Amino acid sequence: MKAWQVTELGEPRDALRLVDVPDPEPGPGQLVVRVLASPANFPDVLMCRGEYQVRPELPFTPGVELCGEVVALGAGVTGFAAGDRVLGGAALPHGGFGELALLDAATTFPAPPALDDAEASALYIGYQTGWFGLHRRAALRAGETLLVHAAAGGVGSAAVQLGKAAGARVIGVVGGPEKAAVARALGADVVVDRRDEDFVEVVRAETGGRGADVVYDPVGGDTYQRSTKCVAFEGRILVVGFAGGRIQSAALNHALVKNYSIVGLHWGLYQRHDPAAVAECHRALTALAARGAVRPLVSERLPLDEVAAGVQRLADGATVGRVAYVPAPARSIPTHRGVDAP
């Protein structure tokens, strides 16, 4: 089969090579799937650079999440059959950026019928992260104000939709007019273009000086530092990642004086410590997709030979929503009322 492999570390455009490799064989508890779609995620960028906490041995195929059709079952696998349409996290080194991939059965779930292949492939990491972050870690309540940074990106767009589904008022921060239009289409009540406006001042004005009850921050660095200036009394700053490239330090005396919480989220730990919660989350997300409350934004569907360029655009911050590898035309699913593609 053909697959992209990281043969040496570096920027995705340099690190990735499209090569012929043997078909993967399922180990115990694993599935081989024909890849129907696999979106680029920031961990794919970091793994190409050798900067992610998971460092597969070279060479490896990235593509950390995917939607696929089951073609083979490993020993001990039950509950799946050949032909099933599923989604989940790839079992590296056989990731989603190839014609076939491996999944661990324990973290594989039925793909929601309401979503096409590319959309279903993007429902796993970003939406599970958003659901656990907003509901389990930040305890977002209906009527609260949610501030989402990078609101037009893959992780931020999920948080916008999940926040709206939870009944929150959502303020989205983006960079540029194109991304602002995307955030509005996703349902953000207020959109701040950080190139033209100070999100701190906008949040204060929109909340009558109270501030945001929950801040969803996948960016870090200065974005986090400025968020501390507009978080509400008893607010929660949810630290999701550091896509801005700098890991900030938290001034704990400031959190004490202003009475807010700094909440970390490492979603992958739930798979180890509370796998039943991951399954519960997937059921909740499937139900939200069925009623049109969430629908992953896939801005580009790329053939196999364009994957490296798409991952590089993600690395350069030049994408909105998800850029996904789709080896064949995605299944046609009617657009649901309430969440329309921009």
Protein backbone atom coordinates (compact mmCIF):
# COMPACT_ATOMS: atom_id res chain seq x y z
CA MET A 1 0.00 0.00 0.00
CA LYS A 2 0.98 3.67 -0.24
CA ALA A 3 1.47 5.75 2.89
CA TRP A 4 3.21 8.89 4.06
CA GLN A 5 6.12 8.17 6.37
CA VAL A 6 8.27 10.37 8.56
CA THR A 7 11.77 9.18 7.75
CA GLU A 8 13.66 12.05 9.40
CA LEU A 9 12.44 14.77 11.75
CA GLY A 10 11.68 18.26 10.54
CA GLU A 11 8.92 20.42 9.10
CA PRO A 12 6.14 18.29 7.55
CA ARG A 13 7.07 19.33 3.99
CA ASP A 14 10.57 17.93 4.56
CA ALA A 15 9.89 15.06 6.95
CA LEU A 16 7.07 13.31 5.07
CA ARG A 17 7.70 10.94 2.16
CA LEU A 18 5.06 9.08 0.13
CA VAL A 19 6.29 5.49 -0.13
CA ASP A 20 5.16 1.91 -0.71
CA VAL A 21 4.98 -0.06 2.54
CA PRO A 22 3.70 -3.52 3.53
CA ASP A 23 0.05 -3.73 4.55
CA PRO A 24 -0.30 -3.62 8.35
CA GLU A 25 -1.23 -6.81 10.20
CA PRO A 26 -3.57 -6.60 13.20
CA GLY A 27 -2.14 -7.59 16.55
CA PRO A 28 -4.30 -8.87 19.40
CA GLY A 29 -7.08 -6.41 20.11
CA GLN A 30 -6.50 -4.46 16.90
CA LEU A 31 -8.35 -3.73 13.66
CA VAL A 32 -7.04 -3.08 10.17
CA VAL A 33 -9.19 -0.49 8.39
CA ARG A 34 -9.31 0.96 4.92
CA VAL A 35 -8.88 4.66 5.53
CA LEU A 36 -11.94 6.66 4.48
CA ALA A 37 -10.67 9.96 5.89
CA SER A 38 -7.98 11.23 8.26
CA PRO A 39 -7.71 14.88 9.35
CA ALA A 40 -4.46 16.66 10.13
CA ASN A 41 -4.03 17.49 13.81
CA PHE A 42 -1.38 19.60 15.51
CA PRO A 43 0.10 16.48 17.15
CA ASP A 44 0.89 15.27 13.62
CA VAL A 45 2.93 18.45 13.09
CA LEU A 46 4.71 18.04 16.42
CA MET A 47 5.50 14.37 15.75
CA CYS A 48 7.05 15.32 12.42
CA ARG A 49 9.29 17.73 14.34
CA GLY A 50 9.99 15.27 17.16
CA GLU A 51 8.39 17.66 19.66
CA TYR A 52 5.35 15.65 20.76
CA GLN A 53 5.15 13.71 24.03
CA VAL A 54 4.64 10.55 21.95
CA ARG A 55 7.72 9.90 19.80
CA PRO A 56 7.25 6.90 17.53
CA GLU A 57 10.35 5.14 16.28
CA LEU A 58 11.31 6.18 12.75
CA PRO A 59 9.92 5.57 10.20
CA PHE A 60 6.22 5.97 11.06
CA THR A 61 3.00 7.07 9.40
CA PRO A 62 1.24 9.97 11.16
CA GLY A 63 -2.49 10.68 11.10
CA VAL A 64 -3.57 10.37 14.73
CA GLU A 65 -7.31 10.00 14.09
CA LEU A 66 -9.38 8.61 11.26
CA CYS A 67 -12.59 7.16 9.94
CA GLY A 68 -12.23 3.80 8.26
CA GLU A 69 -13.89 0.63 7.04
CA VAL A 70 -12.95 -2.53 8.91
CA VAL A 71 -11.13 -5.07 6.72
CA ALA A 72 -9.46 -7.41 9.26
CA LEU A 73 -9.75 -8.26 12.96
CA GLY A 74 -6.98 -9.23 15.34
CA ALA A 75 -7.19 -11.97 17.94
CA GLY A 76 -9.72 -11.36 20.68
CA VAL A 77 -11.61 -8.56 18.91
CA THR A 78 -15.37 -8.71 19.33
CA GLY A 79 -18.16 -6.29 18.54
CA PHE A 80 -16.82 -5.40 15.07
CA ALA A 81 -17.12 -6.99 11.66
CA ALA A 82 -15.61 -6.48 8.23
CA GLY A 83 -17.36 -3.59 6.49
CA ASP A 84 -18.15 -1.65 9.68
CA ARG A 85 -17.63 2.11 9.40
CA VAL A 86 -15.71 3.22 12.47
CA LEU A 87 -13.64 6.05 13.91
CA GLY A 88 -10.91 6.29 16.49
CA GLY A 89 -7.29 7.04 17.23
CA ALA A 90 -4.64 5.36 15.09
CA ALA A 91 -2.32 2.76 16.56
CA LEU A 92 1.05 4.17 15.52
CA PRO A 93 3.27 3.58 13.61
CA HIS A 94 0.37 2.77 11.24
CA GLY A 95 -1.47 6.11 11.25
CA GLY A 96 -4.22 7.46 9.05
CA PHE A 97 -2.13 9.06 6.28
CA GLY A 98 -2.08 5.91 4.18
CA GLU A 99 -4.41 3.56 2.36
CA LEU A 100 -4.70 1.23 5.39
CA ALA A 101 -4.28 1.91 9.11
CA LEU A 102 -4.40 0.18 12.48
CA LEU A 103 -6.86 0.94 15.30
CA ASP A 104 -7.03 -0.44 18.82
CA ALA A 105 -10.46 -1.97 19.29
CA ALA A 106 -10.72 -0.54 22.81
CA THR A 107 -10.66 3.02 21.43
CA THR A 108 -12.68 2.42 18.26
CA PHE A 109 -16.31 3.50 17.93
CA PRO A 110 -19.10 3.40 15.33
CA ALA A 111 -18.99 6.39 12.99
CA PRO A 112 -22.14 8.53 13.37
CA PRO A 113 -24.49 8.04 10.39
CA ALA A 114 -25.26 11.78 10.40
CA LEU A 115 -21.67 12.66 9.39
CA ASP A 116 -19.80 11.99 6.17
CA ASP A 117 -16.43 10.26 6.26
CA ALA A 118 -14.32 13.40 6.62
CA GLU A 119 -16.60 14.88 9.29
CA ALA A 120 -16.70 11.61 11.23
CA SER A 121 -12.90 11.36 11.13
CA ALA A 122 -12.68 14.74 12.92
CA LEU A 123 -15.19 13.93 15.67
CA TYR A 124 -12.73 12.07 17.87
CA ILE A 125 -9.79 14.05 19.31
CA GLY A 126 -10.99 17.66 19.01
CA TYR A 127 -14.58 17.02 20.07
CA GLN A 128 -13.68 14.60 22.85
CA THR A 129 -11.19 17.19 24.10
CA GLY A 130 -13.84 19.89 23.97
CA TRP A 131 -16.49 17.77 25.67
CA PHE A 132 -14.24 16.67 28.53
CA GLY A 133 -12.78 20.14 28.89
CA LEU A 134 -16.05 22.04 28.97
CA HIS A 135 -18.17 19.52 30.87
CA ARG A 136 -15.84 17.46 33.07
CA ARG A 137 -13.07 19.96 33.81
CA ALA A 138 -14.62 23.44 33.55
CA ALA A 139 -18.23 22.48 34.43
CA LEU A 140 -19.67 24.91 31.89
CA ARG A 141 -23.26 25.86 32.65
CA ALA A 142 -26.06 27.20 30.47
CA GLY A 143 -26.08 30.98 30.46
CA GLU A 144 -22.37 31.35 31.16
CA THR A 145 -19.95 33.18 28.87
CA LEU A 146 -17.37 31.01 27.10
CA LEU A 147 -14.31 32.62 25.52
CA VAL A 148 -12.76 30.41 22.81
CA HIS A 149 -9.33 31.18 21.39
CA ALA A 150 -8.44 30.04 17.85
CA ALA A 151 -12.17 29.67 17.32
CA ALA A 152 -11.89 28.85 13.60
CA GLY A 153 -9.30 26.10 14.09
CA GLY A 154 -9.95 22.41 14.46
CA VAL A 155 -9.95 22.39 18.28
CA GLY A 156 -11.52 25.82 18.71
CA SER A 157 -14.32 25.22 16.23
CA ALA A 158 -15.35 22.13 18.21
CA ALA A 159 -15.41 24.17 21.42
CA VAL A 160 -17.62 26.82 19.80
CA GLN A 161 -20.20 24.25 18.74
CA LEU A 162 -20.09 22.35 22.04
CA GLY A 163 -20.39 25.59 24.00
CA LYS A 164 -23.46 26.62 22.04
CA ALA A 165 -24.95 23.13 22.47
CA ALA A 166 -24.47 23.54 26.24
CA GLY A 167 -26.38 26.84 26.24
CA ALA A 168 -23.39 29.16 26.75
CA ARG A 169 -22.86 32.56 25.17
CA VAL A 170 -19.74 32.13 23.05
CA ILE A 171 -17.12 34.76 22.24
CA GLY A 172 -14.68 33.53 19.62
CA VAL A 173 -11.20 34.97 18.99
CA VAL A 174 -9.66 34.55 15.54
CA GLY A 175 -6.95 36.05 13.35
CA GLY A 176 -8.27 37.61 10.15
CA PRO A 177 -11.60 38.30 8.41
CA GLU A 178 -11.85 34.88 6.73
CA LYS A 179 -11.56 33.12 10.07
CA ALA A 180 -14.00 35.59 11.62
CA ALA A 181 -16.60 34.61 9.02
CA VAL A 182 -16.01 30.93 9.84
CA ALA A 183 -16.47 31.50 13.59
CA ARG A 184 -19.74 33.32 12.97
CA ALA A 185 -20.98 30.49 10.77
CA LEU A 186 -20.11 28.03 13.53
CA GLY A 187 -22.44 29.90 15.86
CA ALA A 188 -20.22 32.21 17.92
CA ASP A 189 -22.35 35.03 19.36
CA VAL A 190 -19.47 37.52 19.28
CA VAL A 191 -16.34 37.27 17.13
CA VAL A 192 -13.12 39.16 17.85
CA ASP A 193 -10.49 39.58 15.17
CA ARG A 194 -7.38 39.86 17.34
CA ARG A 195 -5.60 41.74 14.55
CA ASP A 196 -8.03 44.64 14.85
CA GLU A 197 -9.44 44.41 18.37
CA ASP A 198 -8.31 43.70 21.92
CA PHE A 199 -10.22 40.63 23.07
CA VAL A 200 -9.79 41.68 26.71
CA GLU A 201 -11.69 44.90 26.12
CA VAL A 202 -14.36 43.17 24.03
CA VAL A 203 -14.98 40.54 26.70
CA ARG A 204 -15.27 43.16 29.40
CA ALA A 205 -17.68 45.21 27.30
CA GLU A 206 -19.82 42.22 26.31
CA THR A 207 -20.12 40.98 29.90
CA GLY A 208 -20.68 44.31 31.62
CA GLY A 209 -17.23 44.10 33.19
CA ARG A 210 -17.77 40.65 34.70
CA GLY A 211 -15.50 38.71 32.33
CA ALA A 212 -15.66 35.23 30.81
CA ASP A 213 -16.79 32.37 33.04
CA VAL A 214 -14.77 29.83 31.05
CA VAL A 215 -11.74 30.48 28.82
CA TYR A 216 -10.89 27.70 26.34
CA ASP A 217 -7.21 28.16 25.47
CA PRO A 218 -5.41 25.89 23.01
CA VAL A 219 -2.88 28.65 22.21
CA GLY A 220 -1.01 29.49 25.43
CA GLY A 221 1.75 32.07 25.77
CA ASP A 222 0.59 35.70 25.64
CA THR A 223 -2.97 34.55 24.87
CA TYR A 224 -3.14 32.88 28.26
CA GLN A 225 -1.56 35.84 30.05
CA ARG A 226 -4.08 38.27 28.56
CA SER A 227 -6.97 35.93 29.32
CA THR A 228 -6.24 36.31 33.03
CA LYS A 229 -7.22 39.96 32.63
CA CYS A 230 -10.77 39.15 31.50
CA VAL A 231 -11.68 36.01 33.43
CA ALA A 232 -14.69 36.33 35.74
CA PHE A 233 -14.95 35.89 39.49
CA GLU A 234 -14.99 32.10 40.00
CA GLY A 235 -14.03 31.73 36.33
CA ARG A 236 -12.08 28.81 34.93
CA ILE A 237 -9.21 29.04 32.44
CA LEU A 238 -8.99 25.74 30.61
CA VAL A 239 -5.44 25.00 29.43
CA VAL A 240 -5.78 22.75 26.36
CA GLY A 241 -2.49 23.22 24.52
CA PHE A 242 0.27 25.53 23.38
CA ALA A 243 -0.22 25.97 19.63
CA GLY A 244 1.27 29.47 19.93
CA GLY A 245 4.64 27.84 20.56
CA ARG A 246 5.34 29.14 24.07
CA ILE A 247 4.42 27.45 27.34
CA GLN A 248 3.39 30.16 29.78
CA SER A 249 4.01 30.40 33.51
CA ALA A 250 0.99 30.90 35.76
CA ALA A 251 1.06 33.66 38.38
CA LEU A 252 -0.67 31.84 41.21
CA ASN A 253 -0.92 34.98 43.32
CA HIS A 254 -3.05 36.49 40.54
CA ALA A 255 -5.36 33.45 40.54
CA LEU A 256 -5.68 33.82 44.31
CA VAL A 257 -6.44 37.55 44.26
CA LYS A 258 -8.98 37.30 41.43
CA ASN A 259 -10.47 34.00 42.64
CA TYR A 260 -10.30 32.02 39.38
CA SER A 261 -9.21 28.48 38.60
CA ILE A 262 -6.52 27.27 36.20
CA VAL A 263 -7.65 23.88 34.91
CA GLY A 264 -5.48 21.53 32.88
CA LEU A 265 -6.77 18.97 30.42
CA HIS A 266 -4.89 15.93 29.11
CA TRP A 267 -7.67 14.08 27.33
CA GLY A 268 -5.53 11.05 26.56
CA LEU A 269 -5.37 10.17 30.26
CA TYR A 270 -9.11 9.39 30.26
CA GLN A 271 -8.45 6.50 27.92
CA ARG A 272 -6.16 5.04 30.58
CA HIS A 273 -8.00 6.00 33.78
CA ASP A 274 -11.68 6.17 32.76
CA PRO A 275 -12.33 4.50 29.38
CA ALA A 276 -16.04 4.23 30.19
CA ALA A 277 -16.19 8.05 30.18
CA VAL A 278 -14.66 8.12 26.69
CA ALA A 279 -17.41 5.78 25.47
CA GLU A 280 -20.02 7.93 27.22
CA CYS A 281 -18.60 11.00 25.50
CA HIS A 282 -18.80 9.33 22.09
CA ARG A 283 -22.47 8.50 22.68
CA ALA A 284 -23.15 12.12 23.65
CA LEU A 285 -21.33 13.44 20.58
CA THR A 286 -23.18 11.02 18.31
CA ALA A 287 -26.49 12.27 19.72
CA LEU A 288 -25.45 15.90 19.20
CA ALA A 289 -24.45 15.12 15.62
CA ALA A 290 -27.78 13.37 15.00
CA ARG A 291 -29.71 16.50 15.93
CA GLY A 292 -27.37 18.81 14.03
CA ALA A 293 -25.92 20.52 17.09
CA VAL A 294 -22.34 19.64 16.15
CA ARG A 295 -20.79 19.06 12.77
CA PRO A 296 -17.01 19.12 12.31
CA LEU A 297 -15.88 21.82 9.93
CA VAL A 298 -13.76 20.24 7.19
CA SER A 299 -12.40 23.04 5.03
CA GLU A 300 -10.27 20.91 2.68
CA ARG A 301 -10.55 17.32 1.47
CA LEU A 302 -7.23 16.26 0.00
CA PRO A 303 -6.11 13.26 -2.08
CA LEU A 304 -3.22 11.21 -0.76
CA ASP A 305 -0.53 12.98 -2.75
CA GLU A 306 -1.43 16.38 -1.22
CA VAL A 307 -1.33 15.35 2.44
CA ALA A 308 2.16 16.69 3.24
CA ALA A 309 1.27 20.12 1.87
CA GLY A 310 -1.93 20.16 3.92
CA VAL A 311 -0.11 19.25 7.15
CA GLN A 312 2.41 22.00 6.43
CA ARG A 313 -0.40 24.56 6.03
CA LEU A 314 -1.66 23.50 9.43
CA ALA A 315 1.84 23.96 10.85
CA ASP A 316 1.98 27.44 9.31
CA GLY A 317 -1.37 28.47 10.84
CA ALA A 318 -2.93 28.87 7.39
CA THR A 319 -5.95 26.56 7.83
CA VAL A 320 -9.48 26.78 9.22
CA GLY A 321 -11.34 23.86 10.71
CA ARG A 322 -9.88 20.55 9.60
CA VAL A 323 -7.82 19.68 6.55
CA ALA A 324 -8.52 16.00 5.87
CA TYR A 325 -7.07 13.30 3.66
CA VAL A 326 -9.99 11.69 1.82
CA PRO A 327 -8.99 8.97 -0.66
CA ALA A 328 -12.37 8.92 -2.40
CA PRO A 329 -15.37 11.27 -2.59
CA ALA A 330 -16.94 11.55 0.86
CA ARG A 331 -20.40 10.10 1.41
CA SER A 332 -23.09 12.67 0.69
CA ILE A 333 -24.96 13.61 3.86
CA PRO A 334 -27.57 16.41 3.88
CA THR A 335 -26.56 19.55 5.78
CA HIS A 336 -28.30 19.67 9.16
CA ARG A 337 -30.19 22.71 10.29
CA GLY A 338 -28.28 24.76 12.83
CA VAL A 339 -24.69 23.98 11.83
CA ASP A 340 -24.07 24.81 8.19
CA ALA A 341 -20.72 24.82 6.49
CA PRO A 342 -19.53 28.36 5.79
